[in-house]
């Protein structure tokens, strides 16, 4: 005859494991039922230069690497943390960066070599500066952001803050 005392510790272990499985299952269902922040569509109004509107999204922090925003055919994505650092989606900086990204779309800046990227950034800045003007809150906010985020000297494939601000001034007059 088999003693029940011998198997009592095993039944306690089984009961504990059963409770842990239940707790884990409830936790997993709770977590999976929460919507993950992937992309949040936004509608900031008509395109800055007129023409067709594209889908625009706020994306999770860091999704775009070091970029604040990225224009691709049919959409623009904005890093939510970077946009919030400079005042959010109703700020002069956002209006500037939005015009800058629409300028990339208008000019079809999609295939990039380092030199193309350098030129494309200055062209998109110039279009936005022409739209708003040098003394506008939008262009001044962009100049401030460039001073904060970029070194003054040019980098491979990317203009530094000195070149970008001089370009804004020249184009915005």
C-alpha atoms as a PDB file:
ATOM      1  CA  UNK A   1       0.000   0.000   0.000  1.00  0.00           C
ATOM      2  CA  UNK A   2       1.242   3.485  -0.905  1.00  0.00           C
ATOM      3  CA  UNK A   3       1.321   6.077   1.839  1.00  0.00           C
ATOM      4  CA  UNK A   4      -0.468   9.388   1.136  1.00  0.00           C
ATOM      5  CA  UNK A   5       2.077  11.192   3.274  1.00  0.00           C
ATOM      6  CA  UNK A   6       4.768  10.341   0.785  1.00  0.00           C
ATOM      7  CA  UNK A   7       2.966  12.227  -2.025  1.00  0.00           C
ATOM      8  CA  UNK A   8       1.634  15.149   0.031  1.00  0.00           C
ATOM      9  CA  UNK A   9       4.590  17.448  -0.825  1.00  0.00           C
ATOM     10  CA  UNK A  10       4.037  16.758  -4.541  1.00  0.00           C
ATOM     11  CA  UNK A  11       0.389  17.779  -4.365  1.00  0.00           C
ATOM     12  CA  UNK A  12       1.408  21.047  -2.683  1.00  0.00           C
ATOM     13  CA  UNK A  13       3.911  21.702  -5.489  1.00  0.00           C
ATOM     14  CA  UNK A  14       1.252  20.909  -8.096  1.00  0.00           C
ATOM     15  CA  UNK A  15      -1.214  23.270  -6.418  1.00  0.00           C
ATOM     16  CA  UNK A  16       1.405  26.040  -6.285  1.00  0.00           C
ATOM     17  CA  UNK A  17       2.310  25.533  -9.948  1.00  0.00           C
ATOM     18  CA  UNK A  18      -1.361  25.588 -10.870  1.00  0.00           C
ATOM     19  CA  UNK A  19      -1.846  28.927  -9.079  1.00  0.00           C
ATOM     20  CA  UNK A  20       1.260  30.372 -10.752  1.00  0.00           C
ATOM     21  CA  UNK A  21      -0.030  29.308 -14.178  1.00  0.00           C
ATOM     22  CA  UNK A  22      -3.355  30.974 -13.459  1.00  0.00           C
ATOM     23  CA  UNK A  23      -1.670  34.210 -12.352  1.00  0.00           C
ATOM     24  CA  UNK A  24       0.600  34.179 -15.411  1.00  0.00           C
ATOM     25  CA  UNK A  25      -2.347  33.563 -17.758  1.00  0.00           C
ATOM     26  CA  UNK A  26      -4.343  36.449 -16.288  1.00  0.00           C
ATOM     27  CA  UNK A  27      -1.261  38.698 -16.530  1.00  0.00           C
ATOM     28  CA  UNK A  28      -0.627  37.687 -20.166  1.00  0.00           C
ATOM     29  CA  UNK A  29      -4.256  38.333 -21.146  1.00  0.00           C
ATOM     30  CA  UNK A  30      -4.170  41.731 -19.438  1.00  0.00           C
ATOM     31  CA  UNK A  31      -0.967  42.770 -21.178  1.00  0.00           C
ATOM     32  CA  UNK A  32      -2.017  41.508 -24.602  1.00  0.00           C
ATOM     33  CA  UNK A  33      -5.380  43.270 -24.413  1.00  0.00           C
ATOM     34  CA  UNK A  34      -3.726  46.677 -23.977  1.00  0.00           C
ATOM     35  CA  UNK A  35      -3.196  48.435 -27.294  1.00  0.00           C
ATOM     36  CA  UNK A  36       0.494  48.839 -28.045  1.00  0.00           C
ATOM     37  CA  UNK A  37       1.584  52.307 -29.173  1.00  0.00           C
ATOM     38  CA  UNK A  38       2.724  51.665 -32.723  1.00  0.00           C
ATOM     39  CA  UNK A  39       1.582  54.581 -34.826  1.00  0.00           C
ATOM     40  CA  UNK A  40      -0.904  57.243 -33.897  1.00  0.00           C
ATOM     41  CA  UNK A  41      -2.537  58.903 -36.915  1.00  0.00           C
ATOM     42  CA  UNK A  42      -2.744  62.687 -36.700  1.00  0.00           C
ATOM     43  CA  UNK A  43      -4.548  65.296 -38.778  1.00  0.00           C
ATOM     44  CA  UNK A  44      -2.711  68.603 -38.413  1.00  0.00           C
ATOM     45  CA  UNK A  45      -4.634  70.249 -41.229  1.00  0.00           C
ATOM     46  CA  UNK A  46      -4.095  70.935 -44.914  1.00  0.00           C
ATOM     47  CA  UNK A  47      -0.639  70.420 -46.434  1.00  0.00           C
ATOM     48  CA  UNK A  48       1.608  73.461 -45.990  1.00  0.00           C
ATOM     49  CA  UNK A  49       2.202  73.926 -49.731  1.00  0.00           C
ATOM     50  CA  UNK A  50      -1.282  72.875 -50.877  1.00  0.00           C
ATOM     51  CA  UNK A  51      -1.627  69.791 -53.022  1.00  0.00           C
ATOM     52  CA  UNK A  52      -2.514  66.306 -51.840  1.00  0.00           C
ATOM     53  CA  UNK A  53      -2.355  65.368 -48.183  1.00  0.00           C
ATOM     54  CA  UNK A  54      -0.453  62.276 -47.054  1.00  0.00           C
ATOM     55  CA  UNK A  55      -1.012  60.099 -43.998  1.00  0.00           C
ATOM     56  CA  UNK A  56       0.795  61.505 -40.961  1.00  0.00           C
ATOM     57  CA  UNK A  57       1.666  59.570 -37.809  1.00  0.00           C
ATOM     58  CA  UNK A  58       3.296  60.008 -34.436  1.00  0.00           C
ATOM     59  CA  UNK A  59       5.569  57.031 -33.815  1.00  0.00           C
ATOM     60  CA  UNK A  60       7.148  55.689 -30.614  1.00  0.00           C
ATOM     61  CA  UNK A  61      10.298  57.341 -29.298  1.00  0.00           C
ATOM     62  CA  UNK A  62      13.414  56.167 -31.098  1.00  0.00           C
ATOM     63  CA  UNK A  63      11.518  54.487 -33.969  1.00  0.00           C
ATOM     64  CA  UNK A  64      13.211  56.790 -36.452  1.00  0.00           C
ATOM     65  CA  UNK A  65      16.677  56.518 -34.944  1.00  0.00           C
ATOM     66  CA  UNK A  66      18.026  60.023 -34.384  1.00  0.00           C
ATOM     67  CA  UNK A  67      15.557  61.597 -36.819  1.00  0.00           C
ATOM     68  CA  UNK A  68      12.765  63.906 -35.722  1.00  0.00           C
ATOM     69  CA  UNK A  69      10.620  63.026 -38.722  1.00  0.00           C
ATOM     70  CA  UNK A  70      10.772  60.983 -41.893  1.00  0.00           C
ATOM     71  CA  UNK A  71       8.903  61.475 -45.173  1.00  0.00           C
ATOM     72  CA  UNK A  72       8.249  58.426 -47.324  1.00  0.00           C
ATOM     73  CA  UNK A  73       5.988  58.138 -50.348  1.00  0.00           C
ATOM     74  CA  UNK A  74       2.432  58.529 -49.052  1.00  0.00           C
ATOM     75  CA  UNK A  75       3.274  59.208 -45.391  1.00  0.00           C
ATOM     76  CA  UNK A  76       5.190  61.240 -42.852  1.00  0.00           C
ATOM     77  CA  UNK A  77       6.206  59.891 -39.457  1.00  0.00           C
ATOM     78  CA  UNK A  78       7.145  62.075 -36.490  1.00  0.00           C
ATOM     79  CA  UNK A  79       8.999  60.839 -33.403  1.00  0.00           C
ATOM     80  CA  UNK A  80       6.603  61.712 -30.579  1.00  0.00           C
ATOM     81  CA  UNK A  81       9.356  62.384 -28.025  1.00  0.00           C
ATOM     82  CA  UNK A  82      11.315  64.676 -30.347  1.00  0.00           C
ATOM     83  CA  UNK A  83       8.196  66.599 -31.330  1.00  0.00           C
ATOM     84  CA  UNK A  84       7.197  67.011 -27.672  1.00  0.00           C
ATOM     85  CA  UNK A  85      10.683  68.256 -26.726  1.00  0.00           C
ATOM     86  CA  UNK A  86      10.142  71.185 -29.087  1.00  0.00           C
ATOM     87  CA  UNK A  87       6.579  72.024 -28.061  1.00  0.00           C
ATOM     88  CA  UNK A  88       4.275  69.346 -29.465  1.00  0.00           C
ATOM     89  CA  UNK A  89       2.124  69.161 -32.558  1.00  0.00           C
ATOM     90  CA  UNK A  90       0.685  72.680 -32.167  1.00  0.00           C
ATOM     91  CA  UNK A  91       4.063  74.401 -31.905  1.00  0.00           C
ATOM     92  CA  UNK A  92       5.866  76.626 -34.424  1.00  0.00           C
ATOM     93  CA  UNK A  93       8.614  73.996 -34.584  1.00  0.00           C
ATOM     94  CA  UNK A  94       6.124  71.300 -35.618  1.00  0.00           C
ATOM     95  CA  UNK A  95       4.715  73.561 -38.332  1.00  0.00           C
ATOM     96  CA  UNK A  96       8.258  74.066 -39.639  1.00  0.00           C
ATOM     97  CA  UNK A  97       9.255  70.402 -39.534  1.00  0.00           C
ATOM     98  CA  UNK A  98       5.970  69.435 -41.183  1.00  0.00           C
ATOM     99  CA  UNK A  99       6.628  71.891 -44.046  1.00  0.00           C
ATOM    100  CA  UNK A 100      10.204  70.573 -44.263  1.00  0.00           C
ATOM    101  CA  UNK A 101       8.925  66.974 -44.615  1.00  0.00           C
ATOM    102  CA  UNK A 102       6.300  67.967 -47.193  1.00  0.00           C
ATOM    103  CA  UNK A 103       9.107  69.688 -49.123  1.00  0.00           C
ATOM    104  CA  UNK A 104      10.954  66.357 -49.252  1.00  0.00           C
ATOM    105  CA  UNK A 105       7.813  64.762 -50.710  1.00  0.00           C
ATOM    106  CA  UNK A 106       7.301  67.573 -53.267  1.00  0.00           C
ATOM    107  CA  UNK A 107      10.904  67.282 -54.401  1.00  0.00           C
ATOM    108  CA  UNK A 108      10.830  63.455 -54.392  1.00  0.00           C
ATOM    109  CA  UNK A 109      13.812  63.154 -52.053  1.00  0.00           C
ATOM    110  CA  UNK A 110      13.716  59.376 -51.661  1.00  0.00           C
ATOM    111  CA  UNK A 111      16.943  57.868 -53.037  1.00  0.00           C
ATOM    112  CA  UNK A 112      19.816  59.075 -50.932  1.00  0.00           C
ATOM    113  CA  UNK A 113      23.534  59.103 -51.280  1.00  0.00           C
ATOM    114  CA  UNK A 114      25.383  61.079 -48.601  1.00  0.00           C
ATOM    115  CA  UNK A 115      25.760  64.083 -50.941  1.00  0.00           C
ATOM    116  CA  UNK A 116      22.106  63.827 -52.022  1.00  0.00           C
ATOM    117  CA  UNK A 117      21.026  63.797 -48.385  1.00  0.00           C
ATOM    118  CA  UNK A 118      23.160  66.866 -47.615  1.00  0.00           C
ATOM    119  CA  UNK A 119      21.630  68.805 -50.517  1.00  0.00           C
ATOM    120  CA  UNK A 120      18.113  67.491 -49.861  1.00  0.00           C
ATOM    121  CA  UNK A 121      18.133  68.708 -46.261  1.00  0.00           C
ATOM    122  CA  UNK A 122      19.151  72.213 -47.321  1.00  0.00           C
ATOM    123  CA  UNK A 123      16.535  72.262 -50.104  1.00  0.00           C
ATOM    124  CA  UNK A 124      13.741  71.143 -47.736  1.00  0.00           C
ATOM    125  CA  UNK A 125      14.842  73.732 -45.153  1.00  0.00           C
ATOM    126  CA  UNK A 126      14.860  76.387 -47.874  1.00  0.00           C
ATOM    127  CA  UNK A 127      11.330  75.560 -49.026  1.00  0.00           C
ATOM    128  CA  UNK A 128      10.012  75.771 -45.458  1.00  0.00           C
ATOM    129  CA  UNK A 129      11.901  79.037 -44.808  1.00  0.00           C
ATOM    130  CA  UNK A 130      10.495  80.554 -48.015  1.00  0.00           C
ATOM    131  CA  UNK A 131       7.005  79.539 -46.931  1.00  0.00           C
ATOM    132  CA  UNK A 132       7.234  81.086 -43.445  1.00  0.00           C
ATOM    133  CA  UNK A 133       9.928  83.791 -43.691  1.00  0.00           C
ATOM    134  CA  UNK A 134      13.098  84.275 -41.643  1.00  0.00           C
ATOM    135  CA  UNK A 135      11.461  86.243 -38.822  1.00  0.00           C
ATOM    136  CA  UNK A 136       8.562  83.816 -38.372  1.00  0.00           C
ATOM    137  CA  UNK A 137       8.184  81.833 -35.146  1.00  0.00           C
ATOM    138  CA  UNK A 138       8.430  78.637 -37.245  1.00  0.00           C
ATOM    139  CA  UNK A 139      11.843  79.388 -38.750  1.00  0.00           C
ATOM    140  CA  UNK A 140      13.171  80.812 -35.486  1.00  0.00           C
ATOM    141  CA  UNK A 141      12.063  77.615 -33.697  1.00  0.00           C
ATOM    142  CA  UNK A 142      13.870  75.528 -36.333  1.00  0.00           C
ATOM    143  CA  UNK A 143      17.053  77.608 -35.949  1.00  0.00           C
ATOM    144  CA  UNK A 144      16.862  77.136 -32.179  1.00  0.00           C
ATOM    145  CA  UNK A 145      16.358  73.361 -32.560  1.00  0.00           C
ATOM    146  CA  UNK A 146      19.273  73.090 -34.993  1.00  0.00           C
ATOM    147  CA  UNK A 147      21.536  74.947 -32.560  1.00  0.00           C
ATOM    148  CA  UNK A 148      20.519  72.516 -29.798  1.00  0.00           C
ATOM    149  CA  UNK A 149      20.647  69.264 -31.762  1.00  0.00           C
ATOM    150  CA  UNK A 150      23.433  69.642 -34.311  1.00  0.00           C
ATOM    151  CA  UNK A 151      27.125  70.473 -34.150  1.00  0.00           C
ATOM    152  CA  UNK A 152      27.998  73.696 -35.980  1.00  0.00           C
ATOM    153  CA  UNK A 153      30.225  71.942 -38.548  1.00  0.00           C
ATOM    154  CA  UNK A 154      28.962  69.833 -41.434  1.00  0.00           C
ATOM    155  CA  UNK A 155      29.016  66.063 -41.076  1.00  0.00           C
ATOM    156  CA  UNK A 156      29.210  63.416 -43.802  1.00  0.00           C
ATOM    157  CA  UNK A 157      25.819  63.517 -45.515  1.00  0.00           C
ATOM    158  CA  UNK A 158      24.325  66.128 -43.202  1.00  0.00           C
ATOM    159  CA  UNK A 159      24.731  69.893 -42.888  1.00  0.00           C
ATOM    160  CA  UNK A 160      25.677  71.236 -39.472  1.00  0.00           C
ATOM    161  CA  UNK A 161      23.753  73.901 -37.611  1.00  0.00           C
ATOM    162  CA  UNK A 162      25.824  76.791 -39.024  1.00  0.00           C
ATOM    163  CA  UNK A 163      25.093  75.826 -42.649  1.00  0.00           C
ATOM    164  CA  UNK A 164      21.430  75.117 -41.950  1.00  0.00           C
ATOM    165  CA  UNK A 165      20.804  78.376 -40.111  1.00  0.00           C
ATOM    166  CA  UNK A 166      22.628  80.418 -42.810  1.00  0.00           C
ATOM    167  CA  UNK A 167      20.469  78.618 -45.401  1.00  0.00           C
ATOM    168  CA  UNK A 168      17.281  79.405 -43.453  1.00  0.00           C
ATOM    169  CA  UNK A 169      18.298  83.077 -43.287  1.00  0.00           C
ATOM    170  CA  UNK A 170      19.098  83.286 -47.010  1.00  0.00           C
ATOM    171  CA  UNK A 171      15.934  81.482 -48.107  1.00  0.00           C
ATOM    172  CA  UNK A 172      13.631  83.183 -45.628  1.00  0.00           C
ATOM    173  CA  UNK A 173      14.378  86.773 -46.697  1.00  0.00           C
END
